[in-house]
Amino acid sequence: MRPDVAIISPYPPAGQHHGGHSGVASYTANLAGGLAVAGLDVTVVAPELDGDPAGFTDGPVSVLRAFPFGPRALPVALRAAAATGAPVVHLQWELFLYGGPGALAGLIPALVEARRHGTAPLVTTMHQVVRPATVDRSYTALHRVSVPPAVARLGIAGVQSSLLRASAATIVHEEAFRSVVPGVVVVPHGVEAPKTPDREAARRRLGLDDRFVALCFGFLAPYKGIEVALDAARLAGNAVRLVVAGGEHPRLAARGSEGYGAELRRRHRDALFTGYVADADVADWFAAADVALLPYPKPFSASGVLALALAHGTPVLLSPPLARCAGAPSPLTAPLDPPELAHRLRDLATDADAVNELRRWTEIFAAGRSWESVGRRTADVYRSVLTGVRRLAS
C-alpha cells in the first residue's frame, strides 16, 4: 500500500525507542507515531544498520533500511523514498547526520536529481540551524570542524540555502530560527508521555546515594557545554553529584584513538560517567535526577535531551542561550560561569522549595508539546504543501 508520507531519517534499531547514532532517530520514531495517530500511513526510509533487518514494522510504522552512510546516502535515500509512491517526502536534516562531512557531497546532486525527475514535493525539518555569520574559530573548534572558518561559513550557508530552495516547506523547532531561515514553519519538538519510575526506587537501582544529582544526558559532544557542568560540580563540593550519562558521540569517537568522552573522564575523575545508557534505563536516570543540566553555550538546534527531561517531569536548568532559543521561562536559566553555576547548584541542593519551584516552571514550559499535537501540526504542513502543488498543476 502506498504510504501518505516517506520520512528519510535515522531510526532506532528494531525493538528500541531511543537508540541510534543521533537523537534524530528517536525524534523520528516519535513523529512517525504521532503522524499515525493523526491517521497517516508512514514509511521511514532509514540508513542500513548492522544486525537490523532490511525492513520491519514498529507498531503502525513501516521502516525500510535502504541506504548506506556517506556520499551516496542522500541520492539513494531520495530514490528509495520516491519508490514508495508517497505523495510527500519528509527529510530530517542535520549537517553530519548521514555520514559526516563526506555525506554533504551527495546532497545537492540528490536534490537536483529529485527535482529533474519531478518526484514528490520535499518537506525538510532542519534540526540544526546555523547563522553563518557566527561561524568563527571558536565555532569550528567547538564542533571539531577541521576546515577554516571562512570555508565552513560558505559551506553551511550553501547547504542551508540549497535545502530551502529545494523544499516545498521547511520546519524548524524554535521561533528563534525564523530570523536565520525566513519562511519556515515552526513546529516544536514533541514531548513523550512515559511512565516515570519512583524516584527513590530508581536511585537504589542506579546505586546513587542521597546527594543532590545534576544530570547531563546524551551523546558526549563539546557543543553541549559539559566542561562547564563538570567544573561547576567540582566547585560545588560534595553536596552535588554530577552524572554524565551517555556514550561517545559516533562522529567524535571516530576521529582518533581517544574519544571526547574519554578525554573528559581522564580530566574529571570526581564525576560519575555512566557510558552508553540502555533504552530500558533512560527513565530511571531522569527519575533519579534532581535537575537536568543543559549548559549549551551556542545552541543551533532543538534539544532532544530537553524534550526527555520535560517528558519525565525532571526540573531543568538551561544556559541563557538555550533558554532564549527555546523560549523557556527565565526561572529555568542558569549561568554559564562555573563559579556562579556552582553557587546555583549548592542553593538547590539545600533548598527543597527552590527545586519544587523549578519543577513547577518546568511543567509550565512542557505544556502543549505532546507528540499527538506535533503529529497533527506536521500533517497540516503536508496538506498545505499538497494543496499548493494541486493549485500549480491546475
Foldseek 3Di string as FASTA:
>chain_A
DQWQEEEEAAAAAPPFQCDDLDNVRNLVVLLCVLLVVVPTQYEYAHADDPPGDQWDDDVRYIYGNFAHAFQCRLLRSVVVRLVSVHLEYEYEDDCCRRPGVRNLNNPLVSLVVCVVVVGHAYEYEDQFFDQLVPQAPVNCVQQVPDDHSVVVSVSNVVVVVSVVVSHLAYEAAFPVCCVRPPPHHHQHRFAEQDDADAQVVLCVVVVHDPAAEEEEEEADGSQQLVVLVLLLQVVLPDNYAYEYEEAHNVVQVPPDVAGPVNVVCVVRVRHHYDHHDGSVSLSSVLSNHLEYEGERPAGRGDDPVLSHNLNSLRQYEYDVNNCVRHVADPLNYFYSHSNRNSVVSNVCSVDVVSSVVSSVSSNVSNPPRHSNNSSVVVVVVSVVSVVVVVVVVD
